[in-house]
Structures are given as structure tokens and as C-alpha cells.
Protein backbone atom coordinates (compact mmCIF):
# COMPACT_ATOMS: atom_id res chain seq x y z
CA MET A 1 -0.03 -0.08 0.16
CA GLN A 2 1.50 3.35 -1.08
CA LEU A 3 1.31 5.72 1.54
CA TYR A 4 2.79 8.63 -0.67
CA ASP A 5 -0.07 8.28 -3.06
CA HIS A 6 -2.04 10.14 -0.05
CA ILE A 7 0.00 12.56 1.42
CA ASN A 8 2.43 15.23 0.29
CA GLY A 9 5.77 13.63 1.03
CA LEU A 10 9.17 15.23 1.22
CA GLY A 11 10.30 12.83 -1.42
CA ARG A 12 7.57 13.95 -3.61
CA ASP A 13 8.06 17.49 -3.59
CA LEU A 14 11.93 17.41 -3.85
CA LYS A 15 11.61 15.27 -6.88
CA GLN A 16 8.99 17.48 -8.60
CA ARG A 17 11.46 20.56 -7.74
CA PHE A 18 14.52 19.10 -8.57
CA GLY A 19 13.83 16.59 -11.36
CA GLU A 20 15.03 13.63 -9.84
CA LYS A 21 15.41 11.73 -6.12
CA VAL A 22 17.21 13.87 -3.51
CA HIS A 23 17.82 12.13 -0.03
CA LYS A 24 18.62 13.34 3.32
CA LEU A 25 21.58 12.47 5.16
CA SER A 26 21.88 12.76 8.92
CA ILE A 27 25.00 14.15 10.86
CA ASN A 28 25.83 14.60 14.17
CA ALA A 29 28.03 17.65 14.01
CA GLY A 30 28.98 17.19 18.02
CA PHE A 31 26.22 20.04 19.22
CA THR A 32 24.97 19.92 22.63
CA CYS A 33 21.70 21.41 24.11
CA PRO A 34 21.03 24.42 26.73
CA ASN A 35 18.67 22.20 28.01
CA ARG A 36 21.14 19.60 29.07
CA ASP A 37 24.34 21.91 29.78
CA GLY A 38 23.18 23.94 32.65
CA THR A 39 22.21 27.08 30.45
CA LEU A 40 18.34 26.34 30.60
CA GLY A 41 18.87 23.06 32.80
CA ARG A 42 20.32 19.62 33.06
CA GLY A 43 19.39 16.49 32.12
CA GLY A 44 17.25 17.53 28.83
CA CYS A 45 13.47 16.87 28.08
CA THR A 46 12.17 14.12 30.00
CA PHE A 47 11.94 11.97 26.80
CA CYS A 48 15.24 12.45 25.44
CA ASN A 49 18.09 10.20 24.73
CA ASN A 50 19.49 11.38 21.51
CA ALA A 51 20.91 8.00 20.74
CA SER A 52 17.52 6.88 20.22
CA PHE A 53 17.51 8.59 16.57
CA ASN A 54 21.09 9.23 15.86
CA ALA A 55 23.17 6.82 14.47
CA HIS A 56 26.48 8.40 15.17
CA SER A 57 28.05 8.33 18.75
CA ARG A 58 29.29 11.67 20.19
CA GLN A 59 32.72 11.10 18.58
CA ALA A 60 31.55 11.24 15.40
CA PRO A 61 33.67 11.23 12.16
CA SER A 62 34.01 14.75 10.50
CA ILE A 63 30.99 15.92 8.63
CA ARG A 64 32.41 14.97 5.13
CA GLU A 65 33.25 11.51 6.25
CA GLN A 66 29.81 11.18 7.49
CA LEU A 67 28.05 12.50 4.28
CA GLU A 68 30.40 10.39 2.05
CA SER A 69 30.03 7.18 4.19
CA ALA A 70 26.26 7.45 3.78
CA LYS A 71 26.01 8.19 0.07
CA PRO A 72 26.70 4.85 -1.03
CA ASP A 73 23.55 3.49 0.61
CA MET A 74 21.38 5.76 -0.85
CA ARG A 75 19.66 5.70 -4.53
CA ALA A 76 19.80 9.29 -4.99
CA LYS A 77 22.38 11.66 -6.98
CA ARG A 78 21.33 14.65 -4.75
CA TYR A 79 21.47 15.23 -1.11
CA LEU A 80 20.60 17.17 1.86
CA ALA A 81 22.70 17.79 4.63
CA TYR A 82 20.39 16.85 7.77
CA PHE A 83 21.81 18.31 10.77
CA GLN A 84 19.90 16.35 13.20
CA ALA A 85 21.45 15.52 16.69
CA TYR A 86 20.47 17.70 19.39
CA THR A 87 20.61 21.36 18.93
CA ASN A 88 22.27 22.36 15.34
CA THR A 89 22.18 26.11 15.71
CA TYR A 90 23.65 26.21 19.51
CA ALA A 91 26.89 28.07 18.76
CA GLU A 92 28.50 31.20 17.53
CA THR A 93 27.59 32.16 14.09
CA GLU A 94 31.05 31.72 12.95
CA ALA A 95 31.35 28.35 14.17
CA LEU A 96 28.00 27.28 12.71
CA ARG A 97 29.01 28.89 9.10
CA GLN A 98 32.09 26.34 9.40
CA GLN A 99 29.89 23.20 9.95
CA TYR A 100 27.40 24.13 7.65
CA GLU A 101 29.90 25.01 4.69
CA GLN A 102 31.66 21.66 5.49
CA ALA A 103 28.52 20.03 4.49
CA LEU A 104 27.72 22.18 1.61
CA ALA A 105 31.00 21.54 0.42
CA VAL A 106 30.45 17.64 -0.38
CA ALA A 107 29.44 16.95 -4.04
CA ASP A 108 25.92 16.47 -4.98
CA MET A 109 25.00 18.61 -1.78
CA VAL A 110 22.02 20.84 -2.58
CA GLY A 111 21.00 22.09 0.77
CA LEU A 112 20.49 22.00 4.59
CA CYS A 113 18.06 21.01 6.83
CA VAL A 114 18.89 22.36 10.16
CA GLY A 115 17.12 20.71 13.61
CA THR A 116 16.86 22.91 16.57
CA ARG A 117 14.99 24.34 19.52
CA PRO A 118 12.55 27.30 18.89
CA ASP A 119 14.53 28.97 21.70
CA CYS A 120 17.94 28.95 19.86
CA VAL A 121 17.79 30.73 16.53
CA PRO A 122 18.92 34.12 17.20
CA ASP A 123 18.70 36.41 14.10
CA ALA A 124 22.25 36.28 13.30
CA THR A 125 21.58 32.50 12.57
CA LEU A 126 18.68 33.22 10.51
CA ASP A 127 20.55 35.60 8.55
CA LEU A 128 23.14 33.16 8.13
CA LEU A 129 20.95 30.64 6.91
CA THR A 130 18.79 33.14 4.66
CA GLY A 131 22.25 33.71 2.88
CA TYR A 132 22.38 29.91 1.79
CA LYS A 133 19.06 30.00 0.51
CA ASP A 134 19.46 33.17 -1.11
CA ALA A 135 22.43 31.31 -2.94
CA GLY A 136 20.01 28.93 -4.44
CA TYR A 137 20.35 26.20 -1.73
CA GLU A 138 17.37 24.05 -0.30
CA VAL A 139 17.13 25.55 3.11
CA TRP A 140 14.73 23.75 5.85
CA LEU A 141 14.83 24.94 9.51
CA GLU A 142 13.20 22.29 11.68
CA LEU A 143 11.90 23.09 15.05
CA GLY A 144 11.22 20.87 17.87
CA LEU A 145 8.10 21.77 19.15
CA GLN A 146 6.54 18.57 20.30
CA THR A 147 3.31 20.18 21.75
CA ALA A 148 1.61 23.37 21.75
CA PHE A 149 0.44 23.17 25.35
CA ASP A 150 2.69 25.18 27.84
CA THR A 151 1.60 22.59 30.86
CA THR A 152 2.91 19.48 28.74
CA LEU A 153 5.88 21.72 27.71
CA ASP A 154 6.96 22.23 31.29
CA ARG A 155 5.52 18.50 32.23
CA ILE A 156 8.59 17.15 30.04
CA ASN A 157 11.03 19.97 31.09
CA ARG A 158 11.22 21.36 27.43
CA GLY A 159 12.34 24.44 28.82
CA HIS A 160 10.29 27.11 26.22
CA ASP A 161 6.79 27.76 25.87
CA PHE A 162 4.75 27.78 22.50
CA ALA A 163 5.29 31.65 22.51
CA ALA A 164 8.96 30.88 21.85
CA TYR A 165 7.93 28.67 18.79
CA VAL A 166 5.62 31.20 17.21
CA ASP A 167 8.41 34.13 17.87
CA ALA A 168 10.67 31.59 16.26
CA VAL A 169 8.65 31.04 12.95
CA ASN A 170 7.48 34.69 12.56
CA ARG A 171 11.31 35.57 12.17
CA ALA A 172 12.05 32.78 10.03
CA HIS A 173 9.22 33.56 7.49
CA ALA A 174 9.81 37.17 7.75
CA ARG A 175 13.07 36.00 6.12
CA GLY A 176 11.66 33.57 3.57
CA LEU A 177 12.95 30.45 5.33
CA LYS A 178 10.67 27.31 5.28
CA VAL A 179 9.86 25.50 8.57
CA CYS A 180 9.29 21.99 9.47
CA THR A 181 7.72 21.34 12.70
CA HIS A 182 8.39 18.22 14.90
CA LEU A 183 5.17 17.11 16.68
CA ILE A 184 5.06 14.15 19.30
CA VAL A 185 1.89 12.02 19.51
CA GLY A 186 1.25 10.49 22.87
CA LEU A 187 2.46 13.13 25.72
CA PRO A 188 1.88 12.12 29.14
CA GLY A 189 -1.21 14.13 30.30
CA GLU A 190 -2.17 14.70 26.43
CA ALA A 191 -5.76 13.04 25.04
CA PRO A 192 -5.77 12.17 21.50
CA GLU A 193 -7.53 15.02 20.55
CA ASP A 194 -4.83 17.30 21.92
CA SER A 195 -2.87 16.33 19.18
CA LEU A 196 -5.14 18.01 16.97
CA VAL A 197 -5.30 21.03 18.86
CA THR A 198 -1.88 21.40 18.65
CA LEU A 199 -1.72 20.98 14.93
CA GLU A 200 -4.38 23.64 14.43
CA ARG A 201 -2.02 26.16 16.42
CA VAL A 202 0.95 25.17 14.48
CA LEU A 203 -1.11 25.77 10.91
CA GLU A 204 -2.44 28.85 12.20
CA HIS A 205 0.85 30.44 12.44
CA GLY A 206 1.98 28.75 9.42
CA CYS A 207 4.52 26.04 8.51
CA GLU A 208 5.91 24.45 5.28
CA GLY A 209 6.71 21.08 6.62
CA LEU A 210 5.47 18.80 9.56
CA LYS A 211 7.05 15.66 11.46
CA LEU A 212 5.13 13.20 13.23
CA HIS A 213 6.84 11.11 15.98
CA PRO A 214 5.27 8.57 18.31
CA LEU A 215 6.70 9.07 21.81
CA HIS A 216 9.57 6.69 22.33
CA ILE A 217 10.27 5.82 26.05
CA VAL A 218 14.17 5.06 25.83
CA LYS A 219 17.10 4.09 28.09
CA GLY A 220 18.50 6.96 29.90
CA SER A 221 15.66 9.34 29.92
CA ILE A 222 13.63 10.68 32.93
CA MET A 223 10.85 9.05 31.16
CA ALA A 224 12.43 5.66 31.38
CA ARG A 225 12.28 5.85 35.04
CA GLN A 226 8.55 7.07 35.22
CA TRP A 227 7.49 4.28 32.59
CA LYS A 228 9.48 1.64 35.20
CA LYS A 229 7.26 2.95 37.96
CA GLY A 230 4.10 2.62 35.95
CA GLU A 231 3.47 6.63 36.14
CA ILE A 232 3.30 6.78 32.23
CA ASP A 233 2.11 4.66 29.67
CA ALA A 234 3.37 4.19 26.00
CA ILE A 235 1.11 4.83 23.31
CA SER A 236 -0.13 2.01 21.30
CA GLN A 237 0.14 1.39 17.44
CA ASP A 238 -3.59 1.53 16.85
CA ASP A 239 -4.08 4.76 18.93
CA TYR A 240 -0.72 6.46 16.89
CA VAL A 241 -2.20 5.11 13.58
CA ARG A 242 -5.58 6.84 14.35
CA VAL A 243 -4.45 10.30 15.54
CA ALA A 244 -1.59 10.45 12.93
CA ALA A 245 -4.04 9.72 10.09
CA ASP A 246 -6.53 12.22 11.47
CA MET A 247 -3.87 14.98 11.56
CA ILE A 248 -2.87 14.09 8.14
CA ARG A 249 -6.45 14.62 7.04
CA HIS A 250 -6.47 17.87 8.73
CA THR A 251 -3.37 19.27 7.13
CA PRO A 252 -3.67 21.09 4.26
CA TRP A 253 -2.04 19.37 0.85
CA GLU A 254 0.56 22.18 0.32
CA VAL A 255 1.98 21.41 3.67
CA VAL A 256 4.97 18.99 3.24
CA TYR A 257 5.14 15.85 5.44
CA HIS A 258 8.86 14.63 6.26
CA ARG A 259 7.72 12.16 8.36
CA VAL A 260 4.55 10.41 9.49
CA THR A 261 6.46 7.77 12.04
CA ALA A 262 9.42 7.10 13.62
CA THR A 263 11.56 4.02 15.31
CA ALA A 264 14.06 3.25 17.65
CA ARG A 265 16.01 0.14 18.23
CA LYS A 266 16.75 -2.21 21.47
CA PRO A 267 18.26 -2.06 23.68
CA THR A 268 17.94 1.62 23.72
CA LEU A 269 14.19 1.28 22.98
CA LEU A 270 12.08 0.13 25.89
CA ALA A 271 8.50 1.16 24.74
CA PRO A 272 6.17 0.76 22.61
CA GLU A 273 7.93 -2.33 21.26
CA TRP A 274 5.92 -1.49 18.12
CA CYS A 275 8.25 1.29 17.27
CA GLU A 276 11.19 -1.10 16.53
CA ASN A 277 9.73 -1.58 13.24
CA ARG A 278 8.03 1.56 11.52
CA TRP A 279 6.52 -0.63 8.42
CA PRO A 280 3.46 -2.02 10.21
CA ALA A 281 2.38 1.83 11.39
CA PHE A 282 3.55 2.76 7.94
CA ASN A 283 1.00 0.66 6.20
CA ALA A 284 -1.79 0.88 8.97
CA ILE A 285 -1.45 5.09 8.26
CA ALA A 286 -1.47 4.27 4.36
CA GLY A 287 -4.68 2.15 5.30
CA GLU A 288 -6.42 4.74 7.30
CA LEU A 289 -5.90 7.27 4.75
CA VAL A 290 -7.30 5.03 1.83
CA GLU A 291 -10.19 4.35 3.76
CA LYS A 292 -11.21 7.63 4.97
CA GLY A 293 -9.41 10.27 2.85
CA GLY A 294 -5.84 11.64 2.10
CA GLN A 295 -4.02 14.83 3.28
CA GLY A 296 -6.46 17.74 3.63
CA SER A 297 -9.56 15.56 3.08
CA ALA A 298 -11.33 16.70 6.44
CA LEU A 299 -10.72 20.44 5.39
CA LYS A 300 -12.09 19.97 2.27
CA SER A 301 -14.96 18.00 3.91
CA ALA A 302 -15.54 20.73 6.56
CA ALA A 303 -15.84 23.25 3.86
CA SER A 304 -18.25 21.70 1.71
CA ASN A 305 -20.70 21.48 4.74
CA CYS A 306 -20.28 25.18 5.45
């Protein structure tokens, strides 16, 4: 079952614009996070153990080595350098420039995807990214919001509020930068309908891309201790599929989905076990969209009933 017949996925979007397959290659550039080094707090967000989604150790090879070694595994001729691990704008501007330009210097690299926190994008950093955009590179600013509810952001020790996200988006858009917003489904204390409220608030302020992520409970995180004590539950695959598909149906077609689910590997992953393999959830989301309508269908239905 082909999910990407029913959503506007990043692969489709890039191929339409570049005329060929473009693939993202993940990088660990050795950044840390202000919510871990004491600037904002210690220990990071309660869900966080970066090893759960980052393939490289903190003692990573150079940026060039990481990109070149990843290329042979991909069936693509062009690539985006994805600065993924931790907060990839958390440094002085010149240090960031050196990191980003190491990536762009690699052959067949057509742009950057930069993952970061909403409270770590000063104007100087946005201006730096805008310079690459204006030079013709594909540039995505990926903001880890997770939820629009300040009570949840506080509960998971995120270290910023929704207003910080809105401010970052507004300043990015004023420069013509594209924003991809990361959202987690299944956060403690949130009901399924809360994810739709978060989506509505994000869309209200505008974004060009979205990433959906089921809550992973991973070793080394504060949530791991909470889960072992029975204080929080892991989201079921059925619940995640239902919520994710509903969010997709409520998303305008022009918004690009960079991801609709995610995986982690044991022994890092503790729960839910279904997150070790993305394909069952991936196919189940496709089935929901086939049955009930694809991306944007709920918006069309609501408009026709007005």
C-alpha cells in the first residue's frame, strides 16, 4: 500500500522540484543542548536520549566523512545535509558557518536541513541560513516543538513555551525560510484530541513542513524511570495510527510531510515495542488514509458542509 499516494511527502516534493531523487543524510556535528549543559537546565527533556534517533556517537567522524560514507547506501544523485543530533544552531555564528559549509562543500549536496529548538535561533543564525537560501540552496529550519500546550512543555521539561515557537516561526518566515515543525503524539497527560489542537495552532501560525513522531520511551531518559514505575504509559500502535491519520487529513495539501512515524532500536528502546519496526504503522496509516481520505480531505469535507 503506497502511503505517498495519499500525502504530500518530502520525497515527492523534492523530486518534483529537482527533477530527480534527493535524499537527506543525517549528521552528528557534535552539538549539545542548552537544556542539558546547564544554560537552561540539566538532564534535558524528559523523553530525551539522543542515541535513540541518532546513528553516530558523540565521537563522530567529520561531517565530510559522515556524508560520504552514507551516500553509497542511497539511490539518489543529490542530497540534503541533515544536521540532526541535539541543537544544531547552538553555537556562535562563525562556528555554525564552518559546520554548514563543510557539509555544502561535499559533492552533490543541494542544501541543509537544520534541527534545533525554537529558543535557539537568534537573528544572526537566521540571517546565516537565509544567505544559503538566497544562494540557491534548499534550506529547511526544523523546529522541535512537540506540543502547543505550555502545561505539557513544562511537564516534559522542554525549557520553552509555545510563544517561543511562534516568535521563531515569525522571524524565519520574515526571511523567507521554510519551517518544518516536529510534533510528538502520545505525550504524558495529553488526550488524542490534544494532538489535533496542537496541529491547528501550528497551522494557524504557518509552517511548510511537518514531522510526526510517536513517543518513544528510551533508556537513559527521565521518562524511562517514570515508565518503569508505572507513572506513564506507552502509546499503542492502533492509537498512534488513528491520531496520525487524523492529523494528516486535517493538514492542507501544500504542507510537506517529512515523516509520519519513527523508529528506535533495542536495547535503547524500552517501549512501545512496535516502534522498533516502522512498516506496520506506516502501512496502517496508509490504510486509514485510503479508507477515510488522504491529506487535506477533512478540510475539504468541512468546507463543503459550510
